[in-house]
Amino acid sequence: MPMGNGNLFLPVKAEIRKIINKKEGDTVHIILFKDNEPLEVPEEMLLCLEDEPQALTFFNKLTESEQKFYIRYIYSAKKEEIKIDRLAKTINKLVKGLKMYDKETS
């Protein structure tokens, strides 16, 4: 994520930091690899998007990376009720034309 000063911020989970002997705020060097996996929208998400045409239209306008952000966010949940909650929140954001990290304005 952009930090606003030309640098990028990449959160690293505590369990990974512990393995690599780093603390919160430490600098690490990483190597990025291109994601060549084809995008697969899960059936239940597609059904929800089809119920909200405005959300589906906006979702289809997103880049493949932006679509994957949403999909990973939803399906990384371990509990089914959290997955459902995330799916509902995602559909609501998409209806409003918001990308994953866009903030809602009041």
C-alpha atoms as a PDB file:
ATOM      1  CA  MET A   1       0.000   0.000   0.000  1.00  0.00           C
ATOM      2  CA  PRO A   2       1.305   3.470  -0.771  1.00  0.00           C
ATOM      3  CA  MET A   3       2.669   5.399   2.214  1.00  0.00           C
ATOM      4  CA  GLY A   4       2.397   8.768   0.488  1.00  0.00           C
ATOM      5  CA  ASN A   5       6.142   9.422   0.344  1.00  0.00           C
ATOM      6  CA  GLY A   6       7.014   7.342  -2.725  1.00  0.00           C
ATOM      7  CA  ASN A   7       7.477   4.186  -0.652  1.00  0.00           C
ATOM      8  CA  LEU A   8       5.191   1.201  -0.354  1.00  0.00           C
ATOM      9  CA  PHE A   9       4.032  -0.479   2.836  1.00  0.00           C
ATOM     10  CA  LEU A  10       3.509  -4.226   2.845  1.00  0.00           C
ATOM     11  CA  PRO A  11       2.092  -5.687   6.045  1.00  0.00           C
ATOM     12  CA  VAL A  12       3.821  -8.860   7.246  1.00  0.00           C
ATOM     13  CA  LYS A  13       1.988 -11.111   9.702  1.00  0.00           C
ATOM     14  CA  ALA A  14       3.475 -11.427  13.194  1.00  0.00           C
ATOM     15  CA  GLU A  15       4.081 -15.164  12.765  1.00  0.00           C
ATOM     16  CA  ILE A  16       6.160 -14.518   9.632  1.00  0.00           C
ATOM     17  CA  ARG A  17       8.077 -11.666  11.307  1.00  0.00           C
ATOM     18  CA  LYS A  18       8.907 -14.001  14.172  1.00  0.00           C
ATOM     19  CA  ILE A  19      10.307 -16.628  11.769  1.00  0.00           C
ATOM     20  CA  ILE A  20      12.472 -14.078   9.936  1.00  0.00           C
ATOM     21  CA  ASN A  21      13.562 -12.295  13.141  1.00  0.00           C
ATOM     22  CA  LYS A  22      11.950  -8.952  12.316  1.00  0.00           C
ATOM     23  CA  LYS A  23       9.923  -6.589  14.479  1.00  0.00           C
ATOM     24  CA  GLU A  24       7.006  -4.378  13.521  1.00  0.00           C
ATOM     25  CA  GLY A  25       8.370  -1.419  11.534  1.00  0.00           C
ATOM     26  CA  ASP A  26      11.580  -3.166  10.410  1.00  0.00           C
ATOM     27  CA  THR A  27      12.596  -2.969   6.755  1.00  0.00           C
ATOM     28  CA  VAL A  28      12.746  -6.141   4.704  1.00  0.00           C
ATOM     29  CA  HIS A  29      13.717  -6.826   1.109  1.00  0.00           C
ATOM     30  CA  ILE A  30      11.266  -8.853  -0.911  1.00  0.00           C
ATOM     31  CA  ILE A  31      11.077 -10.362  -4.377  1.00  0.00           C
ATOM     32  CA  LEU A  32       7.741 -10.109  -6.141  1.00  0.00           C
ATOM     33  CA  PHE A  33       6.553 -12.659  -8.665  1.00  0.00           C
ATOM     34  CA  LYS A  34       3.901 -12.131 -11.298  1.00  0.00           C
ATOM     35  CA  ASP A  35       0.604 -13.861 -10.527  1.00  0.00           C
ATOM     36  CA  ASN A  36      -0.253 -15.881 -13.629  1.00  0.00           C
ATOM     37  CA  GLU A  37      -3.201 -17.749 -12.145  1.00  0.00           C
ATOM     38  CA  PRO A  38      -6.415 -17.204 -14.097  1.00  0.00           C
ATOM     39  CA  LEU A  39      -9.157 -15.379 -12.249  1.00  0.00           C
ATOM     40  CA  GLU A  40     -11.932 -17.633 -10.977  1.00  0.00           C
ATOM     41  CA  VAL A  41     -14.909 -15.953  -9.377  1.00  0.00           C
ATOM     42  CA  PRO A  42     -16.548 -18.408  -6.958  1.00  0.00           C
ATOM     43  CA  GLU A  43     -20.084 -19.419  -7.928  1.00  0.00           C
ATOM     44  CA  GLU A  44     -21.734 -18.035  -4.767  1.00  0.00           C
ATOM     45  CA  MET A  45     -20.054 -14.664  -5.262  1.00  0.00           C
ATOM     46  CA  LEU A  46     -21.135 -14.588  -8.899  1.00  0.00           C
ATOM     47  CA  LEU A  47     -24.739 -15.328  -7.872  1.00  0.00           C
ATOM     48  CA  CYS A  48     -24.666 -12.442  -5.368  1.00  0.00           C
ATOM     49  CA  LEU A  49     -23.189 -10.115  -7.982  1.00  0.00           C
ATOM     50  CA  GLU A  50     -25.881 -11.120 -10.484  1.00  0.00           C
ATOM     51  CA  ASP A  51     -28.542 -10.171  -7.896  1.00  0.00           C
ATOM     52  CA  GLU A  52     -27.035  -6.656  -7.807  1.00  0.00           C
ATOM     53  CA  PRO A  53     -26.423  -5.620 -11.445  1.00  0.00           C
ATOM     54  CA  GLN A  54     -24.780  -2.335 -10.394  1.00  0.00           C
ATOM     55  CA  ALA A  55     -22.250  -4.271  -8.285  1.00  0.00           C
ATOM     56  CA  LEU A  56     -21.598  -6.736 -11.119  1.00  0.00           C
ATOM     57  CA  THR A  57     -21.044  -3.932 -13.627  1.00  0.00           C
ATOM     58  CA  PHE A  58     -18.555  -2.192 -11.341  1.00  0.00           C
ATOM     59  CA  PHE A  59     -16.810  -5.486 -10.444  1.00  0.00           C
ATOM     60  CA  ASN A  60     -16.344  -6.223 -14.157  1.00  0.00           C
ATOM     61  CA  LYS A  61     -14.733  -2.794 -14.654  1.00  0.00           C
ATOM     62  CA  LEU A  62     -12.102  -3.503 -11.978  1.00  0.00           C
ATOM     63  CA  THR A  63      -8.693  -4.792 -12.956  1.00  0.00           C
ATOM     64  CA  GLU A  64      -8.089  -8.492 -12.424  1.00  0.00           C
ATOM     65  CA  SER A  65      -5.833  -7.644  -9.455  1.00  0.00           C
ATOM     66  CA  GLU A  66      -8.571  -5.554  -7.834  1.00  0.00           C
ATOM     67  CA  GLN A  67     -11.059  -8.380  -8.368  1.00  0.00           C
ATOM     68  CA  LYS A  68      -8.626 -10.846  -6.765  1.00  0.00           C
ATOM     69  CA  PHE A  69      -8.247  -8.531  -3.727  1.00  0.00           C
ATOM     70  CA  TYR A  70     -11.979  -8.817  -3.108  1.00  0.00           C
ATOM     71  CA  ILE A  71     -12.090 -12.568  -3.711  1.00  0.00           C
ATOM     72  CA  ARG A  72      -9.131 -13.266  -1.411  1.00  0.00           C
ATOM     73  CA  TYR A  73     -10.564 -10.992   1.269  1.00  0.00           C
ATOM     74  CA  ILE A  74     -13.853 -12.891   1.279  1.00  0.00           C
ATOM     75  CA  TYR A  75     -12.531 -16.430   0.972  1.00  0.00           C
ATOM     76  CA  SER A  76      -9.610 -16.106   3.368  1.00  0.00           C
ATOM     77  CA  ALA A  77     -12.136 -16.179   6.218  1.00  0.00           C
ATOM     78  CA  LYS A  78     -12.019 -19.421   8.166  1.00  0.00           C
ATOM     79  CA  LYS A  79     -15.590 -19.251   9.483  1.00  0.00           C
ATOM     80  CA  GLU A  80     -18.589 -19.400   7.178  1.00  0.00           C
ATOM     81  CA  GLU A  81     -20.404 -16.544   8.957  1.00  0.00           C
ATOM     82  CA  ILE A  82     -17.389 -14.263   8.480  1.00  0.00           C
ATOM     83  CA  LYS A  83     -17.242 -15.226   4.812  1.00  0.00           C
ATOM     84  CA  ILE A  84     -20.929 -14.334   4.436  1.00  0.00           C
ATOM     85  CA  ASP A  85     -20.421 -11.017   6.240  1.00  0.00           C
ATOM     86  CA  ARG A  86     -17.458 -10.145   4.026  1.00  0.00           C
ATOM     87  CA  LEU A  87     -19.394 -11.069   0.898  1.00  0.00           C
ATOM     88  CA  ALA A  88     -22.281  -8.792   1.940  1.00  0.00           C
ATOM     89  CA  LYS A  89     -19.886  -5.920   2.721  1.00  0.00           C
ATOM     90  CA  THR A  90     -18.162  -6.435  -0.630  1.00  0.00           C
ATOM     91  CA  ILE A  91     -21.424  -6.315  -2.580  1.00  0.00           C
ATOM     92  CA  ASN A  92     -22.417  -3.114  -0.734  1.00  0.00           C
ATOM     93  CA  LYS A  93     -19.071  -1.472  -1.551  1.00  0.00           C
ATOM     94  CA  LEU A  94     -19.309  -2.496  -5.209  1.00  0.00           C
ATOM     95  CA  VAL A  95     -22.857  -1.107  -5.475  1.00  0.00           C
ATOM     96  CA  LYS A  96     -21.403   2.215  -4.299  1.00  0.00           C
ATOM     97  CA  GLY A  97     -18.621   1.998  -6.903  1.00  0.00           C
ATOM     98  CA  LEU A  98     -15.870   1.549  -4.316  1.00  0.00           C
ATOM     99  CA  LYS A  99     -12.689  -0.409  -4.763  1.00  0.00           C
ATOM    100  CA  MET A 100     -11.356  -2.639  -1.977  1.00  0.00           C
ATOM    101  CA  TYR A 101      -9.310   0.067  -0.221  1.00  0.00           C
ATOM    102  CA  ASP A 102     -11.531   3.060  -1.014  1.00  0.00           C
ATOM    103  CA  LYS A 103     -12.998   4.721   2.058  1.00  0.00           C
ATOM    104  CA  GLU A 104     -16.689   5.421   2.247  1.00  0.00           C
ATOM    105  CA  THR A 105     -17.588   9.087   2.604  1.00  0.00           C
ATOM    106  CA  SER A 106     -20.503  10.176   4.765  1.00  0.00           C
END
